PDB file of all heavy atoms in Angstrom:
ATOM      1  N   ASP A   1      -0.370  -7.398   8.955  1.00  0.00           N
ATOM      2  CA  ASP A   1      -0.916  -7.061  10.270  1.00  0.00           C
ATOM      3  C   ASP A   1       0.146  -6.438  11.159  1.00  0.00           C
ATOM      4  O   ASP A   1      -0.147  -5.627  12.030  1.00  0.00           O
ATOM      5  CB  ASP A   1      -1.491  -8.308  10.948  1.00  0.00           C
ATOM      6  CG  ASP A   1      -2.942  -8.553  10.564  1.00  0.00           C
ATOM      7  OD1 ASP A   1      -3.562  -7.663   9.944  1.00  0.00           O
ATOM      8  OD2 ASP A   1      -3.461  -9.646  10.890  1.00  0.00           O
ATOM      9  N   ASP A   2       1.397  -6.868  10.962  1.00  0.00           N
ATOM     10  CA  ASP A   2       2.550  -6.298  11.646  1.00  0.00           C
ATOM     11  C   ASP A   2       3.775  -6.663  10.819  1.00  0.00           C
ATOM     12  O   ASP A   2       3.654  -7.289   9.760  1.00  0.00           O
ATOM     13  CB  ASP A   2       2.669  -6.800  13.095  1.00  0.00           C
ATOM     14  CG  ASP A   2       2.736  -8.314  13.195  1.00  0.00           C
ATOM     15  OD1 ASP A   2       3.597  -8.920  12.527  1.00  0.00           O
ATOM     16  OD2 ASP A   2       1.915  -8.903  13.920  1.00  0.00           O
ATOM     17  N   CYS A   3       4.957  -6.315  11.300  1.00  0.00           N
ATOM     18  CA  CYS A   3       6.150  -6.455  10.460  1.00  0.00           C
ATOM     19  C   CYS A   3       6.528  -7.903  10.163  1.00  0.00           C
ATOM     20  O   CYS A   3       7.345  -8.155   9.275  1.00  0.00           O
ATOM     21  CB  CYS A   3       7.332  -5.722  11.091  1.00  0.00           C
ATOM     22  SG  CYS A   3       7.879  -6.397  12.681  1.00  0.00           S
ATOM     23  N   ARG A   4       5.931  -8.855  10.871  1.00  0.00           N
ATOM     24  CA  ARG A   4       6.230 -10.264  10.637  1.00  0.00           C
ATOM     25  C   ARG A   4       5.075 -11.033   9.998  1.00  0.00           C
ATOM     26  O   ARG A   4       5.247 -12.203   9.653  1.00  0.00           O
ATOM     27  CB  ARG A   4       6.590 -10.945  11.961  1.00  0.00           C
ATOM     28  CG  ARG A   4       7.890 -10.484  12.583  1.00  0.00           C
ATOM     29  CD  ARG A   4       8.098 -11.145  13.939  1.00  0.00           C
ATOM     30  NE  ARG A   4       9.396 -10.809  14.508  1.00  0.00           N
ATOM     31  CZ  ARG A   4       9.652  -9.687  15.160  1.00  0.00           C
ATOM     32  NH1 ARG A   4       8.696  -8.787  15.321  1.00  0.00           N
ATOM     33  NH2 ARG A   4      10.859  -9.453  15.661  1.00  0.00           N
ATOM     34  N   THR A   5       3.917 -10.400   9.850  1.00  0.00           N
ATOM     35  CA  THR A   5       2.721 -11.145   9.476  1.00  0.00           C
ATOM     36  C   THR A   5       2.070 -10.577   8.223  1.00  0.00           C
ATOM     37  O   THR A   5       1.375  -9.552   8.272  1.00  0.00           O
ATOM     38  CB  THR A   5       1.693 -11.140  10.623  1.00  0.00           C
ATOM     39  OG1 THR A   5       2.330 -11.520  11.843  1.00  0.00           O
ATOM     40  CG2 THR A   5       0.547 -12.098  10.311  1.00  0.00           C
ATOM     41  N   ARG A   6       2.298 -11.243   7.079  1.00  0.00           N
ATOM     42  CA  ARG A   6       1.631 -10.856   5.837  1.00  0.00           C
ATOM     43  C   ARG A   6       0.269 -11.527   5.776  1.00  0.00           C
ATOM     44  O   ARG A   6       0.130 -12.717   6.026  1.00  0.00           O
ATOM     45  CB  ARG A   6       2.491 -11.244   4.640  1.00  0.00           C
ATOM     46  CG  ARG A   6       1.849 -10.950   3.296  1.00  0.00           C
ATOM     47  CD  ARG A   6       2.880 -10.895   2.160  1.00  0.00           C
ATOM     48  NE  ARG A   6       3.850 -11.958   2.202  1.00  0.00           N
ATOM     49  CZ  ARG A   6       3.671 -13.176   1.694  1.00  0.00           C
ATOM     50  NH1 ARG A   6       2.503 -13.485   1.118  1.00  0.00           N
ATOM     51  NH2 ARG A   6       4.633 -14.075   1.761  1.00  0.00           N
ATOM     52  N   VAL A   7      -0.764 -10.761   5.390  1.00  0.00           N
ATOM     53  CA  VAL A   7      -2.133 -11.283   5.395  1.00  0.00           C
ATOM     54  C   VAL A   7      -2.741 -11.375   4.002  1.00  0.00           C
ATOM     55  O   VAL A   7      -3.865 -11.849   3.855  1.00  0.00           O
ATOM     56  CB  VAL A   7      -3.047 -10.442   6.317  1.00  0.00           C
ATOM     57  CG1 VAL A   7      -2.618 -10.588   7.769  1.00  0.00           C
ATOM     58  CG2 VAL A   7      -3.055  -8.975   5.908  1.00  0.00           C
ATOM     59  N   THR A   8      -2.034 -10.935   2.968  1.00  0.00           N
ATOM     60  CA  THR A   8      -2.490 -11.108   1.592  1.00  0.00           C
ATOM     61  C   THR A   8      -1.335 -11.632   0.756  1.00  0.00           C
ATOM     62  O   THR A   8      -0.164 -11.429   1.088  1.00  0.00           O
ATOM     63  CB  THR A   8      -3.010  -9.805   0.965  1.00  0.00           C
ATOM     64  OG1 THR A   8      -1.920  -8.877   0.824  1.00  0.00           O
ATOM     65  CG2 THR A   8      -4.115  -9.171   1.808  1.00  0.00           C
ATOM     66  N   GLU A   9      -1.658 -12.300  -0.331  1.00  0.00           N
ATOM     67  CA  GLU A   9      -0.632 -12.733  -1.261  1.00  0.00           C
ATOM     68  C   GLU A   9      -0.089 -11.520  -2.034  1.00  0.00           C
ATOM     69  O   GLU A   9      -0.832 -10.555  -2.272  1.00  0.00           O
ATOM     70  CB  GLU A   9      -1.203 -13.749  -2.246  1.00  0.00           C
ATOM     71  CG  GLU A   9      -1.544 -15.087  -1.614  1.00  0.00           C
ATOM     72  CD  GLU A   9      -0.322 -15.756  -1.010  1.00  0.00           C
ATOM     73  OE1 GLU A   9       0.739 -15.780  -1.672  1.00  0.00           O
ATOM     74  OE2 GLU A   9      -0.436 -16.239   0.130  1.00  0.00           O
ATOM     75  N   PRO A  10       1.178 -11.527  -2.411  1.00  0.00           N
ATOM     76  CA  PRO A  10       1.704 -10.430  -3.225  1.00  0.00           C
ATOM     77  C   PRO A  10       0.893 -10.294  -4.516  1.00  0.00           C
ATOM     78  O   PRO A  10       0.471 -11.288  -5.105  1.00  0.00           O
ATOM     79  CB  PRO A  10       3.141 -10.864  -3.521  1.00  0.00           C
ATOM     80  CG  PRO A  10       3.485 -11.810  -2.416  1.00  0.00           C
ATOM     81  CD  PRO A  10       2.214 -12.527  -2.101  1.00  0.00           C
ATOM     82  N   ALA A  11       0.686  -9.044  -4.941  1.00  0.00           N
ATOM     83  CA  ALA A  11      -0.102  -8.774  -6.143  1.00  0.00           C
ATOM     84  C   ALA A  11       0.524  -7.611  -6.895  1.00  0.00           C
ATOM     85  O   ALA A  11       1.367  -6.887  -6.357  1.00  0.00           O
ATOM     86  CB  ALA A  11      -1.545  -8.439  -5.770  1.00  0.00           C
ATOM     87  N   VAL A  12       0.115  -7.443  -8.149  1.00  0.00           N
ATOM     88  CA  VAL A  12       0.549  -6.292  -8.942  1.00  0.00           C
ATOM     89  C   VAL A  12      -0.692  -5.591  -9.465  1.00  0.00           C
ATOM     90  O   VAL A  12      -1.575  -6.214 -10.046  1.00  0.00           O
ATOM     91  CB  VAL A  12       1.493  -6.719 -10.095  1.00  0.00           C
ATOM     92  CG1 VAL A  12       0.847  -7.724 -11.030  1.00  0.00           C
ATOM     93  CG2 VAL A  12       1.986  -5.506 -10.869  1.00  0.00           C
ATOM     94  N   ASP A  13      -0.775  -4.278  -9.205  1.00  0.00           N
ATOM     95  CA  ASP A  13      -1.965  -3.505  -9.585  1.00  0.00           C
ATOM     96  C   ASP A  13      -1.580  -2.051  -9.811  1.00  0.00           C
ATOM     97  O   ASP A  13      -0.533  -1.583  -9.336  1.00  0.00           O
ATOM     98  CB  ASP A  13      -3.024  -3.547  -8.476  1.00  0.00           C
ATOM     99  CG  ASP A  13      -3.689  -4.894  -8.329  1.00  0.00           C
ATOM    100  OD1 ASP A  13      -4.499  -5.246  -9.205  1.00  0.00           O
ATOM    101  OD2 ASP A  13      -3.404  -5.592  -7.333  1.00  0.00           O
ATOM    102  N   ARG A  14      -2.469  -1.346 -10.494  1.00  0.00           N
ATOM    103  CA  ARG A  14      -2.349   0.103 -10.559  1.00  0.00           C
ATOM    104  C   ARG A  14      -2.754   0.673  -9.206  1.00  0.00           C
ATOM    105  O   ARG A  14      -3.751   0.225  -8.617  1.00  0.00           O
ATOM    106  CB  ARG A  14      -3.238   0.677 -11.663  1.00  0.00           C
ATOM    107  CG  ARG A  14      -2.729   0.377 -13.073  1.00  0.00           C
ATOM    108  CD  ARG A  14      -3.611   1.009 -14.124  1.00  0.00           C
ATOM    109  NE  ARG A  14      -3.070   0.784 -15.461  1.00  0.00           N
ATOM    110  CZ  ARG A  14      -2.205   1.593 -16.058  1.00  0.00           C
ATOM    111  NH1 ARG A  14      -1.804   2.689 -15.434  1.00  0.00           N
ATOM    112  NH2 ARG A  14      -1.751   1.319 -17.270  1.00  0.00           N
ATOM    113  N   PRO A  15      -2.018   1.654  -8.692  1.00  0.00           N
ATOM    114  CA  PRO A  15      -2.328   2.193  -7.374  1.00  0.00           C
ATOM    115  C   PRO A  15      -3.780   2.654  -7.229  1.00  0.00           C
ATOM    116  O   PRO A  15      -4.412   2.398  -6.196  1.00  0.00           O
ATOM    117  CB  PRO A  15      -1.349   3.359  -7.235  1.00  0.00           C
ATOM    118  CG  PRO A  15      -0.185   2.950  -8.069  1.00  0.00           C
ATOM    119  CD  PRO A  15      -0.769   2.235  -9.240  1.00  0.00           C
ATOM    120  N   ALA A  16      -4.310   3.314  -8.248  1.00  0.00           N
ATOM    121  CA  ALA A  16      -5.683   3.805  -8.149  1.00  0.00           C
ATOM    122  C   ALA A  16      -6.677   2.672  -7.964  1.00  0.00           C
ATOM    123  O   ALA A  16      -7.730   2.851  -7.333  1.00  0.00           O
ATOM    124  CB  ALA A  16      -6.038   4.621  -9.383  1.00  0.00           C
ATOM    125  N   ASP A  17      -6.353   1.478  -8.482  1.00  0.00           N
ATOM    126  CA  ASP A  17      -7.278   0.348  -8.403  1.00  0.00           C
ATOM    127  C   ASP A  17      -7.334  -0.277  -7.013  1.00  0.00           C
ATOM    128  O   ASP A  17      -8.262  -1.049  -6.716  1.00  0.00           O
ATOM    129  CB  ASP A  17      -6.895  -0.715  -9.430  1.00  0.00           C
ATOM    130  CG  ASP A  17      -7.090  -0.238 -10.860  1.00  0.00           C
ATOM    131  OD1 ASP A  17      -7.841   0.734 -11.068  1.00  0.00           O
ATOM    132  OD2 ASP A  17      -6.475  -0.839 -11.768  1.00  0.00           O
ATOM    133  N   ILE A  18      -6.330   0.009  -6.175  1.00  0.00           N
ATOM    134  CA  ILE A  18      -6.327  -0.573  -4.828  1.00  0.00           C
ATOM    135  C   ILE A  18      -6.503   0.493  -3.754  1.00  0.00           C
ATOM    136  O   ILE A  18      -6.361   0.205  -2.565  1.00  0.00           O
ATOM    137  CB  ILE A  18      -5.019  -1.354  -4.567  1.00  0.00           C
ATOM    138  CG1 ILE A  18      -3.795  -0.430  -4.669  1.00  0.00           C
ATOM    139  CG2 ILE A  18      -4.906  -2.527  -5.525  1.00  0.00           C
ATOM    140  CD1 ILE A  18      -2.504  -1.092  -4.224  1.00  0.00           C
ATOM    141  N   ALA A  19      -6.829   1.708  -4.162  1.00  0.00           N
ATOM    142  CA  ALA A  19      -6.906   2.831  -3.222  1.00  0.00           C
ATOM    143  C   ALA A  19      -7.843   2.534  -2.053  1.00  0.00           C
ATOM    144  O   ALA A  19      -7.529   2.837  -0.895  1.00  0.00           O
ATOM    145  CB  ALA A  19      -7.337   4.095  -3.953  1.00  0.00           C
ATOM    146  N   GLU A  20      -8.999   1.946  -2.328  1.00  0.00           N
ATOM    147  CA  GLU A  20      -9.950   1.671  -1.252  1.00  0.00           C
ATOM    148  C   GLU A  20      -9.417   0.605  -0.298  1.00  0.00           C
ATOM    149  O   GLU A  20      -9.658   0.658   0.911  1.00  0.00           O
ATOM    150  CB  GLU A  20     -11.289   1.231  -1.834  1.00  0.00           C
ATOM    151  CG  GLU A  20     -12.043   2.342  -2.555  1.00  0.00           C
ATOM    152  CD  GLU A  20     -13.424   1.901  -2.994  1.00  0.00           C
ATOM    153  OE1 GLU A  20     -13.816   0.748  -2.667  1.00  0.00           O
ATOM    154  OE2 GLU A  20     -14.118   2.693  -3.660  1.00  0.00           O
ATOM    155  N   ARG A  21      -8.676  -0.371  -0.828  1.00  0.00           N
ATOM    156  CA  ARG A  21      -8.180  -1.466   0.012  1.00  0.00           C
ATOM    157  C   ARG A  21      -7.026  -1.050   0.916  1.00  0.00           C
ATOM    158  O   ARG A  21      -6.755  -1.721   1.925  1.00  0.00           O
ATOM    159  CB  ARG A  21      -7.758  -2.634  -0.878  1.00  0.00           C
ATOM    160  CG  ARG A  21      -8.916  -3.442  -1.431  1.00  0.00           C
ATOM    161  CD  ARG A  21      -8.443  -4.600  -2.291  1.00  0.00           C
ATOM    162  NE  ARG A  21      -8.144  -4.169  -3.652  1.00  0.00           N
ATOM    163  CZ  ARG A  21      -7.625  -4.959  -4.571  1.00  0.00           C
ATOM    164  NH1 ARG A  21      -7.308  -6.204  -4.275  1.00  0.00           N
ATOM    165  NH2 ARG A  21      -7.398  -4.494  -5.802  1.00  0.00           N
ATOM    166  N   VAL A  22      -6.327   0.021   0.569  1.00  0.00           N
ATOM    167  CA  VAL A  22      -5.178   0.449   1.374  1.00  0.00           C
ATOM    168  C   VAL A  22      -5.440   1.772   2.090  1.00  0.00           C
ATOM    169  O   VAL A  22      -4.555   2.294   2.770  1.00  0.00           O
ATOM    170  CB  VAL A  22      -3.911   0.569   0.495  1.00  0.00           C
ATOM    171  CG1 VAL A  22      -3.617  -0.757  -0.183  1.00  0.00           C
ATOM    172  CG2 VAL A  22      -4.047   1.679  -0.537  1.00  0.00           C
ATOM    173  N   ALA A  23      -6.635   2.304   1.955  1.00  0.00           N
ATOM    174  CA  ALA A  23      -6.960   3.616   2.534  1.00  0.00           C
ATOM    175  C   ALA A  23      -6.738   3.617   4.047  1.00  0.00           C
ATOM    176  O   ALA A  23      -7.125   2.690   4.755  1.00  0.00           O
ATOM    177  CB  ALA A  23      -8.401   3.979   2.217  1.00  0.00           C
ATOM    178  N   GLY A  24      -6.061   4.643   4.511  1.00  0.00           N
ATOM    179  CA  GLY A  24      -5.846   4.825   5.944  1.00  0.00           C
ATOM    180  C   GLY A  24      -4.701   4.032   6.522  1.00  0.00           C
ATOM    181  O   GLY A  24      -4.432   4.134   7.724  1.00  0.00           O
ATOM    182  N   LEU A  25      -3.995   3.269   5.703  1.00  0.00           N
ATOM    183  CA  LEU A  25      -2.904   2.443   6.209  1.00  0.00           C
ATOM    184  C   LEU A  25      -1.551   3.084   5.913  1.00  0.00           C
ATOM    185  O   LEU A  25      -1.350   3.628   4.824  1.00  0.00           O
ATOM    186  CB  LEU A  25      -2.933   1.057   5.555  1.00  0.00           C
ATOM    187  CG  LEU A  25      -4.140   0.173   5.866  1.00  0.00           C
ATOM    188  CD1 LEU A  25      -4.062  -1.110   5.054  1.00  0.00           C
ATOM    189  CD2 LEU A  25      -4.222  -0.143   7.357  1.00  0.00           C
ATOM    190  N   PRO A  26      -0.615   3.016   6.850  1.00  0.00           N
ATOM    191  CA  PRO A  26       0.747   3.409   6.534  1.00  0.00           C
ATOM    192  C   PRO A  26       1.296   2.503   5.435  1.00  0.00           C
ATOM    193  O   PRO A  26       0.813   1.375   5.251  1.00  0.00           O
ATOM    194  CB  PRO A  26       1.511   3.188   7.846  1.00  0.00           C
ATOM    195  CG  PRO A  26       0.465   3.063   8.900  1.00  0.00           C
ATOM    196  CD  PRO A  26      -0.754   2.528   8.229  1.00  0.00           C
ATOM    197  N   ALA A  27       2.302   2.968   4.726  1.00  0.00           N
ATOM    198  CA  ALA A  27       2.891   2.169   3.654  1.00  0.00           C
ATOM    199  C   ALA A  27       4.399   2.394   3.610  1.00  0.00           C
ATOM    200  O   ALA A  27       4.878   3.496   3.882  1.00  0.00           O
ATOM    201  CB  ALA A  27       2.270   2.527   2.312  1.00  0.00           C
ATOM    202  N   VAL A  28       5.130   1.327   3.280  1.00  0.00           N
ATOM    203  CA  VAL A  28       6.577   1.426   3.119  1.00  0.00           C
ATOM    204  C   VAL A  28       6.943   0.942   1.721  1.00  0.00           C
ATOM    205  O   VAL A  28       6.172   0.238   1.068  1.00  0.00           O
ATOM    206  CB  VAL A  28       7.329   0.606   4.194  1.00  0.00           C
ATOM    207  CG1 VAL A  28       6.937   1.051   5.583  1.00  0.00           C
ATOM    208  CG2 VAL A  28       7.066  -0.884   4.026  1.00  0.00           C
ATOM    209  N   GLY A  29       8.130   1.333   1.273  1.00  0.00           N
ATOM    210  CA  GLY A  29       8.594   0.916  -0.037  1.00  0.00           C
ATOM    211  C   GLY A  29       8.588   2.045  -1.044  1.00  0.00           C
ATOM    212  O   GLY A  29       7.906   3.058  -0.873  1.00  0.00           O
ATOM    213  N   ALA A  30       9.354   1.870  -2.130  1.00  0.00           N
ATOM    214  CA  ALA A  30       9.481   2.902  -3.154  1.00  0.00           C
ATOM    215  C   ALA A  30       8.161   3.178  -3.856  1.00  0.00           C
ATOM    216  O   ALA A  30       7.909   4.297  -4.303  1.00  0.00           O
ATOM    217  CB  ALA A  30      10.539   2.499  -4.176  1.00  0.00           C
ATOM    218  N   GLY A  31       7.297   2.174  -3.983  1.00  0.00           N
ATOM    219  CA  GLY A  31       5.997   2.391  -4.610  1.00  0.00           C
ATOM    220  C   GLY A  31       5.133   3.339  -3.807  1.00  0.00           C
ATOM    221  O   GLY A  31       4.396   4.156  -4.377  1.00  0.00           O
ATOM    222  N   ALA A  32       5.236   3.259  -2.491  1.00  0.00           N
ATOM    223  CA  ALA A  32       4.479   4.173  -1.630  1.00  0.00           C
ATOM    224  C   ALA A  32       4.959   5.610  -1.813  1.00  0.00           C
ATOM    225  O   ALA A  32       4.150   6.548  -1.841  1.00  0.00           O
ATOM    226  CB  ALA A  32       4.606   3.739  -0.173  1.00  0.00           C
ATOM    227  N   ARG A  33       6.275   5.793  -1.944  1.00  0.00           N
ATOM    228  CA  ARG A  33       6.817   7.140  -2.153  1.00  0.00           C
ATOM    229  C   ARG A  33       6.435   7.682  -3.524  1.00  0.00           C
ATOM    230  O   ARG A  33       6.217   8.874  -3.696  1.00  0.00           O
ATOM    231  CB  ARG A  33       8.344   7.115  -2.025  1.00  0.00           C
ATOM    232  CG  ARG A  33       8.867   6.671  -0.673  1.00  0.00           C
ATOM    233  CD  ARG A  33       8.517   7.646   0.428  1.00  0.00           C
ATOM    234  NE  ARG A  33       9.013   7.196   1.720  1.00  0.00           N
ATOM    235  CZ  ARG A  33      10.088   7.688   2.315  1.00  0.00           C
ATOM    236  NH1 ARG A  33      10.786   8.641   1.724  1.00  0.00           N
ATOM    237  NH2 ARG A  33      10.465   7.245   3.495  1.00  0.00           N
ATOM    238  N   LEU A  34       6.345   6.788  -4.498  1.00  0.00           N
ATOM    239  CA  LEU A  34       6.083   7.202  -5.873  1.00  0.00           C
ATOM    240  C   LEU A  34       4.632   7.624  -6.078  1.00  0.00           C
ATOM    241  O   LEU A  34       4.342   8.512  -6.884  1.00  0.00           O
ATOM    242  CB  LEU A  34       6.436   6.051  -6.818  1.00  0.00           C
ATOM    243  CG  LEU A  34       6.490   6.339  -8.313  1.00  0.00           C
ATOM    244  CD1 LEU A  34       7.512   7.437  -8.626  1.00  0.00           C
ATOM    245  CD2 LEU A  34       6.839   5.070  -9.068  1.00  0.00           C
ATOM    246  N   TYR A  35       3.712   7.013  -5.338  1.00  0.00           N
ATOM    247  CA  TYR A  35       2.282   7.288  -5.523  1.00  0.00           C
ATOM    248  C   TYR A  35       1.675   7.796  -4.221  1.00  0.00           C
ATOM    249  O   TYR A  35       0.841   7.158  -3.589  1.00  0.00           O
ATOM    250  CB  TYR A  35       1.566   6.030  -6.015  1.00  0.00           C
ATOM    251  CG  TYR A  35       2.095   5.536  -7.338  1.00  0.00           C
ATOM    252  CD1 TYR A  35       2.985   4.457  -7.399  1.00  0.00           C
ATOM    253  CD2 TYR A  35       1.742   6.161  -8.530  1.00  0.00           C
ATOM    254  CE1 TYR A  35       3.487   4.014  -8.617  1.00  0.00           C
ATOM    255  CE2 TYR A  35       2.254   5.727  -9.749  1.00  0.00           C
ATOM    256  CZ  TYR A  35       3.121   4.652  -9.779  1.00  0.00           C
ATOM    257  OH  TYR A  35       3.619   4.222 -10.989  1.00  0.00           O
ATOM    258  N   GLY A  36       2.126   8.977  -3.843  1.00  0.00           N
ATOM    259  CA  GLY A  36       1.704   9.570  -2.587  1.00  0.00           C
ATOM    260  C   GLY A  36       0.224   9.872  -2.498  1.00  0.00           C
ATOM    261  O   GLY A  36      -0.337   9.942  -1.397  1.00  0.00           O
ATOM    262  N   GLU A  37      -0.449  10.030  -3.653  1.00  0.00           N
ATOM    263  CA  GLU A  37      -1.887  10.306  -3.619  1.00  0.00           C
ATOM    264  C   GLU A  37      -2.668   9.096  -3.120  1.00  0.00           C
ATOM    265  O   GLU A  37      -3.764   9.238  -2.560  1.00  0.00           O
ATOM    266  CB  GLU A  37      -2.377  10.721  -5.011  1.00  0.00           C
ATOM    267  CG  GLU A  37      -2.370   9.634  -6.077  1.00  0.00           C
ATOM    268  CD  GLU A  37      -1.003   9.389  -6.709  1.00  0.00           C
ATOM    269  OE1 GLU A  37      -0.017  10.000  -6.241  1.00  0.00           O
ATOM    270  OE2 GLU A  37      -0.932   8.600  -7.669  1.00  0.00           O
ATOM    271  N   VAL A  38      -2.122   7.893  -3.296  1.00  0.00           N
ATOM    272  CA  VAL A  38      -2.774   6.675  -2.810  1.00  0.00           C
ATOM    273  C   VAL A  38      -2.192   6.251  -1.458  1.00  0.00           C
ATOM    274  O   VAL A  38      -2.905   5.683  -0.627  1.00  0.00           O
ATOM    275  CB  VAL A  38      -2.616   5.537  -3.838  1.00  0.00           C
ATOM    276  CG1 VAL A  38      -3.172   4.215  -3.298  1.00  0.00           C
ATOM    277  CG2 VAL A  38      -3.328   5.903  -5.130  1.00  0.00           C
ATOM    278  N   PHE A  39      -0.910   6.536  -1.247  1.00  0.00           N
ATOM    279  CA  PHE A  39      -0.224   6.170  -0.002  1.00  0.00           C
ATOM    280  C   PHE A  39       0.285   7.438   0.694  1.00  0.00           C
ATOM    281  O   PHE A  39       1.487   7.714   0.704  1.00  0.00           O
ATOM    282  CB  PHE A  39       0.950   5.237  -0.301  1.00  0.00           C
ATOM    283  CG  PHE A  39       0.602   4.013  -1.099  1.00  0.00           C
ATOM    284  CD1 PHE A  39       0.892   3.949  -2.461  1.00  0.00           C
ATOM    285  CD2 PHE A  39      -0.018   2.933  -0.499  1.00  0.00           C
ATOM    286  CE1 PHE A  39       0.585   2.810  -3.196  1.00  0.00           C
ATOM    287  CE2 PHE A  39      -0.332   1.793  -1.231  1.00  0.00           C
ATOM    288  CZ  PHE A  39      -0.039   1.738  -2.579  1.00  0.00           C
ATOM    289  N   PRO A  40      -0.610   8.247   1.262  1.00  0.00           N
ATOM    290  CA  PRO A  40      -0.174   9.520   1.849  1.00  0.00           C
ATOM    291  C   PRO A  40       0.683   9.363   3.102  1.00  0.00           C
ATOM    292  O   PRO A  40       1.429  10.275   3.456  1.00  0.00           O
ATOM    293  CB  PRO A  40      -1.496  10.229   2.174  1.00  0.00           C
ATOM    294  CG  PRO A  40      -2.492   9.126   2.318  1.00  0.00           C
ATOM    295  CD  PRO A  40      -2.076   8.074   1.353  1.00  0.00           C
ATOM    296  N   ASP A  41       0.593   8.207   3.776  1.00  0.00           N
ATOM    297  CA  ASP A  41       1.380   7.991   4.990  1.00  0.00           C
ATOM    298  C   ASP A  41       2.550   7.053   4.665  1.00  0.00           C
ATOM    299  O   ASP A  41       2.627   5.927   5.155  1.00  0.00           O
ATOM    300  CB  ASP A  41       0.489   7.392   6.086  1.00  0.00           C
ATOM    301  CG  ASP A  41       1.198   7.311   7.434  1.00  0.00           C
ATOM    302  OD1 ASP A  41       2.341   7.806   7.541  1.00  0.00           O
ATOM    303  OD2 ASP A  41       0.605   6.741   8.380  1.00  0.00           O
ATOM    304  N   ALA A  42       3.461   7.516   3.813  1.00  0.00           N
ATOM    305  CA  ALA A  42       4.618   6.713   3.408  1.00  0.00           C
ATOM    306  C   ALA A  42       5.711   6.794   4.469  1.00  0.00           C
ATOM    307  O   ALA A  42       6.050   7.875   4.946  1.00  0.00           O
ATOM    308  CB  ALA A  42       5.149   7.192   2.064  1.00  0.00           C
TER     309      ALA A  42
END
């Protein structure tokens, strides 16, 4: 929800499988840079 508040448990998934759940959200981290088609706002 913000930089101090995690709202989901950590998970491991293929980016395409979570595309709908992360759509429209900014993303940070190397995974966001690697899969820009799912995380366009890295």
